[in-house]
Amino acid sequence: MQESGLRPRAVSPNGLWESIFQQDASYPGRGNPNTAIADFFNRLEHRGGPSSPDIWKSIFWLQQRPGEPSAEAAVAHGRQAYLTEIQSQLPKATAMYRDIAGIF
């Protein structure tokens, strides 16, 4: 959300990611929103998923440093500001979910 602004035609300045979900070329279905979401959650499952002790660090690991051996190592060696950036989107994402789900 923070980089694409949820624009379907968004492309990073360096051309490495595209679309709403900002997937890179390693996501074969990145042009299809449903495939992109499914692939993201499949990959997240392999990095702790719902049982992760810190889902934020697992997302960081998946998105920023997938080659690291753990979420802790990814955060320790990665761009720290990214963690704050993704966490800052929680209120906006929560509001969007509530609006779509009809929860007030």
N, C-alpha and C. Protein backbone atom coordinates (compact mmCIF):
# COMPACT_ATOMS: atom_id res chain seq x y z
N MET A 1 0.82 -1.19 0.00
CA MET A 1 0.00 0.00 0.00
C MET A 1 0.86 1.26 0.00
N GLN A 2 1.94 1.21 0.78
CA GLN A 2 2.72 2.43 0.95
C GLN A 2 3.45 2.83 -0.33
N GLU A 3 3.78 1.88 -1.17
CA GLU A 3 4.53 2.21 -2.38
C GLU A 3 3.64 2.29 -3.62
N SER A 4 2.69 1.38 -3.73
CA SER A 4 1.85 1.36 -4.94
C SER A 4 0.66 2.30 -4.84
N GLY A 5 0.30 2.69 -3.61
CA GLY A 5 -0.90 3.50 -3.45
C GLY A 5 -2.14 2.76 -3.93
N LEU A 6 -2.05 1.43 -4.00
CA LEU A 6 -3.12 0.56 -4.50
C LEU A 6 -3.49 0.86 -5.96
N ARG A 7 -2.53 1.38 -6.71
CA ARG A 7 -2.74 1.64 -8.13
C ARG A 7 -2.40 0.39 -8.93
N PRO A 8 -3.35 -0.17 -9.69
CA PRO A 8 -3.10 -1.40 -10.44
C PRO A 8 -1.95 -1.30 -11.44
N ARG A 9 -1.68 -0.13 -11.95
CA ARG A 9 -0.62 0.03 -12.95
C ARG A 9 0.68 0.59 -12.36
N ALA A 10 0.78 0.57 -11.04
CA ALA A 10 1.99 1.09 -10.39
C ALA A 10 3.20 0.25 -10.77
N VAL A 11 4.33 0.92 -10.94
CA VAL A 11 5.61 0.27 -11.23
C VAL A 11 6.67 1.01 -10.41
N SER A 12 7.57 0.28 -9.80
CA SER A 12 8.62 0.92 -9.01
C SER A 12 9.51 1.77 -9.92
N PRO A 13 10.17 2.78 -9.35
CA PRO A 13 11.06 3.61 -10.17
C PRO A 13 12.14 2.81 -10.89
N ASN A 14 12.61 1.72 -10.27
CA ASN A 14 13.65 0.91 -10.91
C ASN A 14 13.07 -0.24 -11.75
N GLY A 15 11.74 -0.33 -11.81
CA GLY A 15 11.07 -1.34 -12.63
C GLY A 15 11.07 -2.75 -12.07
N LEU A 16 11.52 -2.93 -10.82
CA LEU A 16 11.62 -4.28 -10.27
C LEU A 16 10.30 -4.84 -9.76
N TRP A 17 9.37 -4.01 -9.35
CA TRP A 17 8.06 -4.51 -8.93
C TRP A 17 6.97 -3.76 -9.67
N GLU A 18 5.79 -4.36 -9.66
CA GLU A 18 4.65 -3.74 -10.35
C GLU A 18 3.34 -4.10 -9.66
N SER A 19 2.32 -3.34 -9.95
CA SER A 19 0.94 -3.56 -9.54
C SER A 19 0.71 -3.21 -8.07
N ILE A 20 -0.50 -3.43 -7.66
CA ILE A 20 -0.95 -3.08 -6.32
C ILE A 20 -0.07 -3.70 -5.24
N PHE A 21 0.27 -4.96 -5.43
CA PHE A 21 0.94 -5.72 -4.37
C PHE A 21 2.45 -5.68 -4.44
N GLN A 22 2.99 -4.99 -5.43
CA GLN A 22 4.42 -4.71 -5.51
C GLN A 22 5.29 -5.96 -5.64
N GLN A 23 4.79 -7.02 -6.26
CA GLN A 23 5.60 -8.22 -6.42
C GLN A 23 6.64 -8.04 -7.52
N ASP A 24 7.77 -8.72 -7.29
CA ASP A 24 8.82 -8.70 -8.30
C ASP A 24 8.61 -9.86 -9.28
N ALA A 25 9.55 -10.02 -10.19
CA ALA A 25 9.41 -11.01 -11.27
C ALA A 25 9.41 -12.45 -10.77
N SER A 26 9.80 -12.69 -9.52
CA SER A 26 9.77 -14.06 -9.00
C SER A 26 8.35 -14.54 -8.73
N TYR A 27 7.36 -13.65 -8.79
CA TYR A 27 5.96 -14.01 -8.66
C TYR A 27 5.39 -14.19 -10.07
N PRO A 28 5.23 -15.43 -10.54
CA PRO A 28 4.81 -15.65 -11.92
C PRO A 28 3.43 -15.06 -12.25
N GLY A 29 2.54 -14.96 -11.28
CA GLY A 29 1.21 -14.44 -11.55
C GLY A 29 1.00 -13.04 -11.04
N ARG A 30 2.06 -12.26 -10.97
CA ARG A 30 1.95 -10.95 -10.33
C ARG A 30 0.99 -10.00 -11.03
N GLY A 31 0.65 -10.24 -12.28
CA GLY A 31 -0.29 -9.38 -12.98
C GLY A 31 -1.74 -9.67 -12.65
N ASN A 32 -1.99 -10.80 -11.99
CA ASN A 32 -3.34 -11.19 -11.61
C ASN A 32 -3.47 -11.00 -10.10
N PRO A 33 -4.32 -10.08 -9.63
CA PRO A 33 -4.41 -9.81 -8.19
C PRO A 33 -4.68 -11.04 -7.34
N ASN A 34 -5.56 -11.92 -7.79
CA ASN A 34 -5.87 -13.11 -7.00
C ASN A 34 -4.68 -14.05 -6.89
N THR A 35 -3.97 -14.23 -7.99
CA THR A 35 -2.78 -15.07 -7.98
C THR A 35 -1.69 -14.44 -7.13
N ALA A 36 -1.54 -13.13 -7.23
CA ALA A 36 -0.51 -12.42 -6.45
C ALA A 36 -0.77 -12.57 -4.95
N ILE A 37 -2.02 -12.42 -4.54
CA ILE A 37 -2.35 -12.56 -3.12
C ILE A 37 -2.09 -13.99 -2.66
N ALA A 38 -2.55 -14.97 -3.44
CA ALA A 38 -2.35 -16.37 -3.06
C ALA A 38 -0.87 -16.71 -2.95
N ASP A 39 -0.07 -16.25 -3.90
CA ASP A 39 1.36 -16.54 -3.87
C ASP A 39 2.03 -15.88 -2.67
N PHE A 40 1.63 -14.65 -2.35
CA PHE A 40 2.18 -13.96 -1.19
C PHE A 40 1.92 -14.79 0.08
N PHE A 41 0.67 -15.22 0.28
CA PHE A 41 0.34 -15.98 1.48
C PHE A 41 1.01 -17.36 1.49
N ASN A 42 1.16 -17.98 0.33
CA ASN A 42 1.90 -19.24 0.27
C ASN A 42 3.34 -19.04 0.71
N ARG A 43 3.95 -17.99 0.24
CA ARG A 43 5.34 -17.71 0.62
C ARG A 43 5.44 -17.32 2.09
N LEU A 44 4.48 -16.56 2.57
CA LEU A 44 4.48 -16.16 3.97
C LEU A 44 4.35 -17.39 4.88
N GLU A 45 3.57 -18.35 4.45
CA GLU A 45 3.40 -19.60 5.21
C GLU A 45 4.75 -20.28 5.45
N HIS A 46 5.66 -20.20 4.49
CA HIS A 46 6.98 -20.81 4.62
C HIS A 46 7.92 -19.98 5.48
N ARG A 47 7.47 -18.83 5.92
CA ARG A 47 8.28 -17.97 6.79
C ARG A 47 7.56 -17.71 8.11
N GLY A 48 6.81 -18.70 8.55
CA GLY A 48 6.14 -18.59 9.85
C GLY A 48 4.64 -18.46 9.75
N GLY A 49 4.18 -17.70 8.79
CA GLY A 49 2.74 -17.52 8.60
C GLY A 49 2.02 -17.15 9.88
N PRO A 50 0.80 -17.65 10.06
CA PRO A 50 0.01 -17.30 11.23
C PRO A 50 0.65 -17.70 12.56
N SER A 51 1.52 -18.72 12.55
CA SER A 51 2.15 -19.15 13.79
C SER A 51 3.43 -18.38 14.11
N SER A 52 3.77 -17.42 13.29
CA SER A 52 4.98 -16.62 13.49
C SER A 52 4.90 -15.88 14.83
N PRO A 53 6.00 -15.84 15.59
CA PRO A 53 5.99 -15.07 16.83
C PRO A 53 5.87 -13.56 16.58
N ASP A 54 6.24 -13.11 15.40
CA ASP A 54 6.12 -11.70 15.04
C ASP A 54 5.83 -11.62 13.54
N ILE A 55 4.55 -11.53 13.19
CA ILE A 55 4.15 -11.54 11.79
C ILE A 55 4.79 -10.39 11.01
N TRP A 56 5.00 -9.26 11.67
CA TRP A 56 5.62 -8.11 11.00
C TRP A 56 7.03 -8.47 10.53
N LYS A 57 7.79 -9.13 11.39
CA LYS A 57 9.15 -9.53 11.01
C LYS A 57 9.13 -10.58 9.90
N SER A 58 8.13 -11.45 9.93
CA SER A 58 8.01 -12.45 8.87
C SER A 58 7.71 -11.80 7.52
N ILE A 59 6.85 -10.79 7.54
CA ILE A 59 6.55 -10.05 6.30
C ILE A 59 7.80 -9.33 5.82
N PHE A 60 8.52 -8.70 6.74
CA PHE A 60 9.78 -8.03 6.41
C PHE A 60 10.72 -9.02 5.74
N TRP A 61 10.87 -10.19 6.33
CA TRP A 61 11.75 -11.24 5.81
C TRP A 61 11.35 -11.61 4.39
N LEU A 62 10.07 -11.84 4.17
CA LEU A 62 9.57 -12.22 2.85
C LEU A 62 9.80 -11.13 1.81
N GLN A 63 9.53 -9.90 2.18
CA GLN A 63 9.55 -8.80 1.22
C GLN A 63 10.93 -8.18 1.01
N GLN A 64 11.74 -8.14 2.06
CA GLN A 64 13.00 -7.40 1.98
C GLN A 64 14.26 -8.26 1.93
N ARG A 65 14.26 -9.37 2.66
CA ARG A 65 15.49 -10.16 2.78
C ARG A 65 15.19 -11.66 2.73
N PRO A 66 14.54 -12.14 1.67
CA PRO A 66 14.14 -13.55 1.64
C PRO A 66 15.30 -14.54 1.66
N GLY A 67 16.49 -14.09 1.38
CA GLY A 67 17.65 -14.98 1.40
C GLY A 67 18.25 -15.21 2.78
N GLU A 68 17.79 -14.45 3.76
CA GLU A 68 18.30 -14.61 5.13
C GLU A 68 17.75 -15.90 5.75
N PRO A 69 18.44 -16.46 6.75
CA PRO A 69 17.98 -17.72 7.35
C PRO A 69 16.80 -17.58 8.31
N SER A 70 16.51 -16.36 8.78
CA SER A 70 15.41 -16.17 9.73
C SER A 70 14.87 -14.75 9.64
N ALA A 71 13.71 -14.56 10.24
CA ALA A 71 13.12 -13.22 10.29
C ALA A 71 14.01 -12.28 11.10
N GLU A 72 14.54 -12.79 12.20
CA GLU A 72 15.42 -11.97 13.05
C GLU A 72 16.65 -11.50 12.27
N ALA A 73 17.25 -12.40 11.52
CA ALA A 73 18.43 -12.04 10.72
C ALA A 73 18.05 -11.04 9.63
N ALA A 74 16.89 -11.25 9.03
CA ALA A 74 16.43 -10.33 7.98
C ALA A 74 16.30 -8.92 8.51
N VAL A 75 15.66 -8.79 9.67
CA VAL A 75 15.48 -7.45 10.26
C VAL A 75 16.82 -6.87 10.68
N ALA A 76 17.68 -7.69 11.27
CA ALA A 76 18.99 -7.21 11.72
C ALA A 76 19.85 -6.69 10.56
N HIS A 77 19.73 -7.32 9.39
CA HIS A 77 20.58 -6.95 8.26
C HIS A 77 19.87 -6.09 7.21
N GLY A 78 18.60 -5.84 7.40
CA GLY A 78 17.82 -5.11 6.41
C GLY A 78 17.65 -3.64 6.72
N ARG A 79 16.87 -3.00 5.86
CA ARG A 79 16.59 -1.57 6.02
C ARG A 79 15.50 -1.42 7.09
N GLN A 80 15.92 -1.01 8.28
CA GLN A 80 15.04 -0.94 9.45
C GLN A 80 13.78 -0.12 9.21
N ALA A 81 13.87 0.92 8.44
CA ALA A 81 12.72 1.80 8.21
C ALA A 81 11.57 1.06 7.53
N TYR A 82 11.86 -0.02 6.81
CA TYR A 82 10.79 -0.75 6.13
C TYR A 82 9.79 -1.32 7.13
N LEU A 83 10.27 -1.79 8.26
CA LEU A 83 9.39 -2.34 9.28
C LEU A 83 8.39 -1.28 9.74
N THR A 84 8.86 -0.09 10.01
CA THR A 84 7.98 1.01 10.40
C THR A 84 7.03 1.38 9.27
N GLU A 85 7.53 1.36 8.05
CA GLU A 85 6.68 1.69 6.89
C GLU A 85 5.50 0.74 6.75
N ILE A 86 5.76 -0.57 6.86
CA ILE A 86 4.64 -1.50 6.69
C ILE A 86 3.69 -1.44 7.88
N GLN A 87 4.22 -1.25 9.08
CA GLN A 87 3.36 -1.14 10.25
C GLN A 87 2.49 0.12 10.20
N SER A 88 2.99 1.16 9.58
CA SER A 88 2.23 2.41 9.50
C SER A 88 0.97 2.27 8.64
N GLN A 89 0.90 1.22 7.84
CA GLN A 89 -0.26 1.02 6.96
C GLN A 89 -1.41 0.29 7.66
N LEU A 90 -1.19 -0.19 8.88
CA LEU A 90 -2.22 -0.96 9.57
C LEU A 90 -3.54 -0.20 9.75
N PRO A 91 -3.54 1.05 10.21
CA PRO A 91 -4.82 1.75 10.36
C PRO A 91 -5.58 1.88 9.03
N LYS A 92 -4.87 2.18 7.97
CA LYS A 92 -5.51 2.31 6.66
C LYS A 92 -6.06 0.97 6.18
N ALA A 93 -5.28 -0.08 6.36
CA ALA A 93 -5.72 -1.42 5.94
C ALA A 93 -6.91 -1.89 6.78
N THR A 94 -6.89 -1.60 8.06
CA THR A 94 -8.00 -1.98 8.94
C THR A 94 -9.27 -1.26 8.52
N ALA A 95 -9.17 0.03 8.26
CA ALA A 95 -10.34 0.80 7.82
C ALA A 95 -10.88 0.26 6.50
N MET A 96 -10.00 -0.08 5.58
CA MET A 96 -10.42 -0.62 4.29
C MET A 96 -11.13 -1.96 4.48
N TYR A 97 -10.56 -2.81 5.32
CA TYR A 97 -11.18 -4.11 5.60
C TYR A 97 -12.58 -3.93 6.19
N ARG A 98 -12.69 -3.05 7.17
CA ARG A 98 -13.99 -2.82 7.80
C ARG A 98 -15.01 -2.28 6.81
N ASP A 99 -14.57 -1.42 5.92
CA ASP A 99 -15.47 -0.87 4.91
C ASP A 99 -15.96 -1.98 3.97
N ILE A 100 -15.05 -2.80 3.50
CA ILE A 100 -15.40 -3.88 2.58
C ILE A 100 -16.29 -4.92 3.27
N ALA A 101 -15.96 -5.24 4.53
CA ALA A 101 -16.70 -6.27 5.25
C ALA A 101 -18.00 -5.75 5.87
N GLY A 102 -18.19 -4.44 5.85
CA GLY A 102 -19.39 -3.86 6.44
C GLY A 102 -19.36 -3.85 7.96
N ILE A 103 -18.17 -3.78 8.53
CA ILE A 103 -18.00 -3.74 9.98
C ILE A 103 -17.78 -2.29 10.40
N PHE A 104 -18.61 -1.82 11.30
CA PHE A 104 -18.49 -0.40 11.70
C PHE A 104 -18.15 -0.24 13.14
